[in-house]
Each structure stands twice: as C-alpha cells, then as structure tokens.
Amino acid sequence: MSDSFMGEVYFRVSQHLGIVISEVIRKKFTPDMMLLIHKYSNIVRNEYKEYQKIQEELNKNKFK
C-alpha cells in the first residue's frame, strides 16, 4: 500500500500545483511542498479508511 499511497499523494500534489510528479518528488523537502504532501496524505488516508468501512459493510450484508 505504501508505494501506491505515496504515488497517489504525489499525483494529487502535482495536480494541485499543475506541475509534473518528478518536480514534486525533487522538491518534497521544501516547506511548502511538505505542507501539501501532509495535507493530501491525510485526505488519501481518510478516503482509504472510508473505503475499508464500506467494504466491510458490504461483506457483512453479503453474508446475511
């Protein structure tokens, strides 16, 4: 999950800034980029948790 997770974060930051992903990776230790990476990592993590909850509910309902 970690490779695809960070890939998704870098992709969203690049879309937010309108730059290529390699530039995001190259500048990932600058304060502004770190802030955006942190912001989008929280968003992606919450979306993943929500997806897991939905999958669990679907599985529970499937076996009833």
PDB file of N, CA and C in Angstrom:
ATOM      1  N   MET A   1       0.808  -1.195   0.000  1.00  0.00           N
ATOM      2  CA  MET A   1       0.000   0.000   0.000  1.00  0.00           C
ATOM      3  C   MET A   1       0.851   1.259   0.000  1.00  0.00           C
ATOM      4  N   SER A   2       2.011   1.221   0.613  1.00  0.00           N
ATOM      5  CA  SER A   2       2.781   2.449   0.784  1.00  0.00           C
ATOM      6  C   SER A   2       3.239   3.051  -0.536  1.00  0.00           C
ATOM      7  N   ASP A   3       3.647   2.230  -1.502  1.00  0.00           N
ATOM      8  CA  ASP A   3       4.082   2.774  -2.795  1.00  0.00           C
ATOM      9  C   ASP A   3       2.921   3.426  -3.524  1.00  0.00           C
ATOM     10  N   SER A   4       1.802   2.745  -3.575  1.00  0.00           N
ATOM     11  CA  SER A   4       0.650   3.325  -4.265  1.00  0.00           C
ATOM     12  C   SER A   4       0.078   4.500  -3.480  1.00  0.00           C
ATOM     13  N   PHE A   5       0.184   4.445  -2.167  1.00  0.00           N
ATOM     14  CA  PHE A   5      -0.295   5.545  -1.328  1.00  0.00           C
ATOM     15  C   PHE A   5       0.499   6.812  -1.621  1.00  0.00           C
ATOM     16  N   MET A   6       1.812   6.732  -1.563  1.00  0.00           N
ATOM     17  CA  MET A   6       2.636   7.913  -1.815  1.00  0.00           C
ATOM     18  C   MET A   6       2.526   8.352  -3.264  1.00  0.00           C
ATOM     19  N   GLY A   7       2.362   7.411  -4.167  1.00  0.00           N
ATOM     20  CA  GLY A   7       2.158   7.767  -5.572  1.00  0.00           C
ATOM     21  C   GLY A   7       0.897   8.583  -5.752  1.00  0.00           C
ATOM     22  N   GLU A   8      -0.151   8.185  -5.064  1.00  0.00           N
ATOM     23  CA  GLU A   8      -1.405   8.935  -5.121  1.00  0.00           C
ATOM     24  C   GLU A   8      -1.234  10.324  -4.519  1.00  0.00           C
ATOM     25  N   VAL A   9      -0.505  10.414  -3.415  1.00  0.00           N
ATOM     26  CA  VAL A   9      -0.261  11.709  -2.771  1.00  0.00           C
ATOM     27  C   VAL A   9       0.531  12.616  -3.703  1.00  0.00           C
ATOM     28  N   TYR A  10       1.617  12.103  -4.274  1.00  0.00           N
ATOM     29  CA  TYR A  10       2.422  12.907  -5.195  1.00  0.00           C
ATOM     30  C   TYR A  10       1.594  13.336  -6.407  1.00  0.00           C
ATOM     31  N   PHE A  11       0.748  12.432  -6.901  1.00  0.00           N
ATOM     32  CA  PHE A  11      -0.091  12.762  -8.043  1.00  0.00           C
ATOM     33  C   PHE A  11      -1.042  13.909  -7.707  1.00  0.00           C
ATOM     34  N   ARG A  12      -1.665  13.837  -6.540  1.00  0.00           N
ATOM     35  CA  ARG A  12      -2.611  14.893  -6.162  1.00  0.00           C
ATOM     36  C   ARG A  12      -1.916  16.234  -5.933  1.00  0.00           C
ATOM     37  N   VAL A  13      -0.723  16.199  -5.356  1.00  0.00           N
ATOM     38  CA  VAL A  13       0.031  17.443  -5.174  1.00  0.00           C
ATOM     39  C   VAL A  13       0.399  18.020  -6.539  1.00  0.00           C
ATOM     40  N   SER A  14       0.816  17.159  -7.456  1.00  0.00           N
ATOM     41  CA  SER A  14       1.185  17.649  -8.785  1.00  0.00           C
ATOM     42  C   SER A  14      -0.025  18.234  -9.503  1.00  0.00           C
ATOM     43  N   GLN A  15      -1.184  17.628  -9.338  1.00  0.00           N
ATOM     44  CA  GLN A  15      -2.396  18.164  -9.937  1.00  0.00           C
ATOM     45  C   GLN A  15      -2.773  19.499  -9.301  1.00  0.00           C
ATOM     46  N   HIS A  16      -2.609  19.597  -8.007  1.00  0.00           N
ATOM     47  CA  HIS A  16      -2.920  20.829  -7.279  1.00  0.00           C
ATOM     48  C   HIS A  16      -2.050  21.992  -7.770  1.00  0.00           C
ATOM     49  N   LEU A  17      -0.770  21.714  -7.981  1.00  0.00           N
ATOM     50  CA  LEU A  17       0.167  22.759  -8.376  1.00  0.00           C
ATOM     51  C   LEU A  17       0.294  22.914  -9.892  1.00  0.00           C
ATOM     52  N   GLY A  18      -0.170  21.910 -10.634  1.00  0.00           N
ATOM     53  CA  GLY A  18      -0.052  21.963 -12.087  1.00  0.00           C
ATOM     54  C   GLY A  18       1.365  21.710 -12.576  1.00  0.00           C
ATOM     55  N   ILE A  19       2.096  20.860 -11.858  1.00  0.00           N
ATOM     56  CA  ILE A  19       3.464  20.515 -12.243  1.00  0.00           C
ATOM     57  C   ILE A  19       3.568  19.004 -12.378  1.00  0.00           C
ATOM     58  N   VAL A  20       4.694  18.533 -12.916  1.00  0.00           N
ATOM     59  CA  VAL A  20       4.885  17.089 -13.078  1.00  0.00           C
ATOM     60  C   VAL A  20       5.276  16.455 -11.747  1.00  0.00           C
ATOM     61  N   ILE A  21       5.026  15.156 -11.631  1.00  0.00           N
ATOM     62  CA  ILE A  21       5.277  14.436 -10.378  1.00  0.00           C
ATOM     63  C   ILE A  21       6.757  14.455 -10.015  1.00  0.00           C
ATOM     64  N   SER A  22       7.632  14.365 -11.007  1.00  0.00           N
ATOM     65  CA  SER A  22       9.072  14.357 -10.707  1.00  0.00           C
ATOM     66  C   SER A  22       9.507  15.646 -10.014  1.00  0.00           C
ATOM     67  N   GLU A  23       8.864  16.753 -10.351  1.00  0.00           N
ATOM     68  CA  GLU A  23       9.196  18.019  -9.687  1.00  0.00           C
ATOM     69  C   GLU A  23       8.712  18.008  -8.233  1.00  0.00           C
ATOM     70  N   VAL A  24       7.573  17.380  -7.992  1.00  0.00           N
ATOM     71  CA  VAL A  24       7.072  17.249  -6.616  1.00  0.00           C
ATOM     72  C   VAL A  24       8.052  16.428  -5.797  1.00  0.00           C
ATOM     73  N   ILE A  25       8.523  15.312  -6.369  1.00  0.00           N
ATOM     74  CA  ILE A  25       9.465  14.452  -5.653  1.00  0.00           C
ATOM     75  C   ILE A  25      10.782  15.188  -5.414  1.00  0.00           C
ATOM     76  N   ARG A  26      11.243  15.925  -6.403  1.00  0.00           N
ATOM     77  CA  ARG A  26      12.507  16.651  -6.273  1.00  0.00           C
ATOM     78  C   ARG A  26      12.430  17.731  -5.184  1.00  0.00           C
ATOM     79  N   LYS A  27      11.262  18.352  -5.038  1.00  0.00           N
ATOM     80  CA  LYS A  27      11.105  19.453  -4.075  1.00  0.00           C
ATOM     81  C   LYS A  27      10.373  19.036  -2.795  1.00  0.00           C
ATOM     82  N   LYS A  28      10.298  17.730  -2.529  1.00  0.00           N
ATOM     83  CA  LYS A  28       9.463  17.258  -1.424  1.00  0.00           C
ATOM     84  C   LYS A  28       9.938  17.690  -0.042  1.00  0.00           C
ATOM     85  N   PHE A  29      11.151  18.199   0.096  1.00  0.00           N
ATOM     86  CA  PHE A  29      11.634  18.628   1.405  1.00  0.00           C
ATOM     87  C   PHE A  29      11.534  20.137   1.615  1.00  0.00           C
ATOM     88  N   THR A  30      10.970  20.850   0.654  1.00  0.00           N
ATOM     89  CA  THR A  30      10.745  22.277   0.859  1.00  0.00           C
ATOM     90  C   THR A  30       9.506  22.450   1.735  1.00  0.00           C
ATOM     91  N   PRO A  31       9.463  23.481   2.554  1.00  0.00           N
ATOM     92  CA  PRO A  31       8.336  23.634   3.498  1.00  0.00           C
ATOM     93  C   PRO A  31       6.957  23.648   2.829  1.00  0.00           C
ATOM     94  N   ASP A  32       6.819  24.370   1.716  1.00  0.00           N
ATOM     95  CA  ASP A  32       5.511  24.427   1.050  1.00  0.00           C
ATOM     96  C   ASP A  32       5.084  23.060   0.530  1.00  0.00           C
ATOM     97  N   MET A  33       6.026  22.344  -0.064  1.00  0.00           N
ATOM     98  CA  MET A  33       5.715  21.024  -0.612  1.00  0.00           C
ATOM     99  C   MET A  33       5.414  20.039   0.502  1.00  0.00           C
ATOM    100  N   MET A  34       6.151  20.139   1.610  1.00  0.00           N
ATOM    101  CA  MET A  34       5.892  19.245   2.741  1.00  0.00           C
ATOM    102  C   MET A  34       4.483  19.459   3.286  1.00  0.00           C
ATOM    103  N   LEU A  35       4.049  20.703   3.324  1.00  0.00           N
ATOM    104  CA  LEU A  35       2.705  21.014   3.805  1.00  0.00           C
ATOM    105  C   LEU A  35       1.647  20.392   2.892  1.00  0.00           C
ATOM    106  N   LEU A  36       1.822  20.541   1.590  1.00  0.00           N
ATOM    107  CA  LEU A  36       0.857  19.954   0.656  1.00  0.00           C
ATOM    108  C   LEU A  36       0.882  18.429   0.701  1.00  0.00           C
ATOM    109  N   ILE A  37       2.062  17.839   0.816  1.00  0.00           N
ATOM    110  CA  ILE A  37       2.161  16.377   0.905  1.00  0.00           C
ATOM    111  C   ILE A  37       1.461  15.892   2.166  1.00  0.00           C
ATOM    112  N   HIS A  38       1.641  16.583   3.259  1.00  0.00           N
ATOM    113  CA  HIS A  38       0.965  16.211   4.512  1.00  0.00           C
ATOM    114  C   HIS A  38      -0.557  16.335   4.360  1.00  0.00           C
ATOM    115  N   LYS A  39      -1.000  17.423   3.763  1.00  0.00           N
ATOM    116  CA  LYS A  39      -2.437  17.645   3.569  1.00  0.00           C
ATOM    117  C   LYS A  39      -3.054  16.525   2.740  1.00  0.00           C
ATOM    118  N   TYR A  40      -2.438  16.213   1.603  1.00  0.00           N
ATOM    119  CA  TYR A  40      -3.005  15.199   0.728  1.00  0.00           C
ATOM    120  C   TYR A  40      -2.817  13.789   1.269  1.00  0.00           C
ATOM    121  N   SER A  41      -1.787  13.549   2.064  1.00  0.00           N
ATOM    122  CA  SER A  41      -1.651  12.227   2.669  1.00  0.00           C
ATOM    123  C   SER A  41      -2.781  11.987   3.671  1.00  0.00           C
ATOM    124  N   ASN A  42      -3.175  13.015   4.408  1.00  0.00           N
ATOM    125  CA  ASN A  42      -4.315  12.876   5.319  1.00  0.00           C
ATOM    126  C   ASN A  42      -5.605  12.625   4.554  1.00  0.00           C
ATOM    127  N   ILE A  43      -5.796  13.325   3.448  1.00  0.00           N
ATOM    128  CA  ILE A  43      -7.001  13.141   2.635  1.00  0.00           C
ATOM    129  C   ILE A  43      -7.055  11.728   2.072  1.00  0.00           C
ATOM    130  N   VAL A  44      -5.955  11.260   1.498  1.00  0.00           N
ATOM    131  CA  VAL A  44      -5.923   9.917   0.902  1.00  0.00           C
ATOM    132  C   VAL A  44      -6.109   8.855   1.978  1.00  0.00           C
ATOM    133  N   ARG A  45      -5.489   9.041   3.134  1.00  0.00           N
ATOM    134  CA  ARG A  45      -5.627   8.080   4.231  1.00  0.00           C
ATOM    135  C   ARG A  45      -7.085   7.988   4.684  1.00  0.00           C
ATOM    136  N   ASN A  46      -7.764   9.125   4.811  1.00  0.00           N
ATOM    137  CA  ASN A  46      -9.170   9.116   5.217  1.00  0.00           C
ATOM    138  C   ASN A  46     -10.055   8.475   4.154  1.00  0.00           C
ATOM    139  N   GLU A  47      -9.754   8.723   2.891  1.00  0.00           N
ATOM    140  CA  GLU A  47     -10.520   8.073   1.826  1.00  0.00           C
ATOM    141  C   GLU A  47     -10.327   6.569   1.859  1.00  0.00           C
ATOM    142  N   TYR A  48      -9.108   6.111   2.133  1.00  0.00           N
ATOM    143  CA  TYR A  48      -8.837   4.684   2.209  1.00  0.00           C
ATOM    144  C   TYR A  48      -9.577   4.044   3.382  1.00  0.00           C
ATOM    145  N   LYS A  49      -9.590   4.723   4.531  1.00  0.00           N
ATOM    146  CA  LYS A  49     -10.316   4.200   5.689  1.00  0.00           C
ATOM    147  C   LYS A  49     -11.812   4.117   5.401  1.00  0.00           C
ATOM    148  N   GLU A  50     -12.347   5.133   4.737  1.00  0.00           N
ATOM    149  CA  GLU A  50     -13.766   5.132   4.383  1.00  0.00           C
ATOM    150  C   GLU A  50     -14.074   3.989   3.416  1.00  0.00           C
ATOM    151  N   TYR A  51     -13.179   3.758   2.473  1.00  0.00           N
ATOM    152  CA  TYR A  51     -13.341   2.657   1.529  1.00  0.00           C
ATOM    153  C   TYR A  51     -13.355   1.316   2.268  1.00  0.00           C
ATOM    154  N   GLN A  52     -12.460   1.163   3.254  1.00  0.00           N
ATOM    155  CA  GLN A  52     -12.420  -0.075   4.033  1.00  0.00           C
ATOM    156  C   GLN A  52     -13.722  -0.291   4.800  1.00  0.00           C
ATOM    157  N   LYS A  53     -14.277   0.781   5.378  1.00  0.00           N
ATOM    158  CA  LYS A  53     -15.546   0.665   6.110  1.00  0.00           C
ATOM    159  C   LYS A  53     -16.665   0.227   5.176  1.00  0.00           C
ATOM    160  N   ILE A  54     -16.721   0.808   4.006  1.00  0.00           N
ATOM    161  CA  ILE A  54     -17.759   0.454   3.036  1.00  0.00           C
ATOM    162  C   ILE A  54     -17.615  -1.004   2.625  1.00  0.00           C
ATOM    163  N   GLN A  55     -16.379  -1.443   2.376  1.00  0.00           N
ATOM    164  CA  GLN A  55     -16.151  -2.834   2.000  1.00  0.00           C
ATOM    165  C   GLN A  55     -16.585  -3.790   3.112  1.00  0.00           C
ATOM    166  N   GLU A  56     -16.293  -3.444   4.364  1.00  0.00           N
ATOM    167  CA  GLU A  56     -16.705  -4.288   5.487  1.00  0.00           C
ATOM    168  C   GLU A  56     -18.221  -4.371   5.573  1.00  0.00           C
ATOM    169  N   GLU A  57     -18.906  -3.245   5.398  1.00  0.00           N
ATOM    170  CA  GLU A  57     -20.365  -3.240   5.437  1.00  0.00           C
ATOM    171  C   GLU A  57     -20.945  -4.085   4.309  1.00  0.00           C
ATOM    172  N   LEU A  58     -20.370  -3.985   3.133  1.00  0.00           N
ATOM    173  CA  LEU A  58     -20.837  -4.797   2.004  1.00  0.00           C
ATOM    174  C   LEU A  58     -20.638  -6.276   2.280  1.00  0.00           C
ATOM    175  N   ASN A  59     -19.513  -6.628   2.873  1.00  0.00           N
ATOM    176  CA  ASN A  59     -19.240  -8.035   3.187  1.00  0.00           C
ATOM    177  C   ASN A  59     -20.189  -8.541   4.266  1.00  0.00           C
ATOM    178  N   LYS A  60     -20.504  -7.720   5.266  1.00  0.00           N
ATOM    179  CA  LYS A  60     -21.438  -8.110   6.304  1.00  0.00           C
ATOM    180  C   LYS A  60     -22.818  -8.357   5.718  1.00  0.00           C
ATOM    181  N   ASN A  61     -23.247  -7.460   4.838  1.00  0.00           N
ATOM    182  CA  ASN A  61     -24.568  -7.592   4.234  1.00  0.00           C
ATOM    183  C   ASN A  61     -24.640  -8.741   3.251  1.00  0.00           C
ATOM    184  N   LYS A  62     -23.527  -9.084   2.658  1.00  0.00           N
ATOM    185  CA  LYS A  62     -23.485 -10.184   1.696  1.00  0.00           C
ATOM    186  C   LYS A  62     -23.738 -11.517   2.370  1.00  0.00           C
ATOM    187  N   PHE A  63     -23.218 -11.688   3.594  1.00  0.00           N
ATOM    188  CA  PHE A  63     -23.327 -12.965   4.289  1.00  0.00           C
ATOM    189  C   PHE A  63     -24.617 -13.094   5.098  1.00  0.00           C
ATOM    190  N   LYS A  64     -25.458 -12.081   5.113  1.00  0.00           N
ATOM    191  CA  LYS A  64     -26.718 -12.179   5.864  1.00  0.00           C
ATOM    192  C   LYS A  64     -27.772 -12.843   5.050  1.00  0.00           C
TER     193      LYS A  64
END
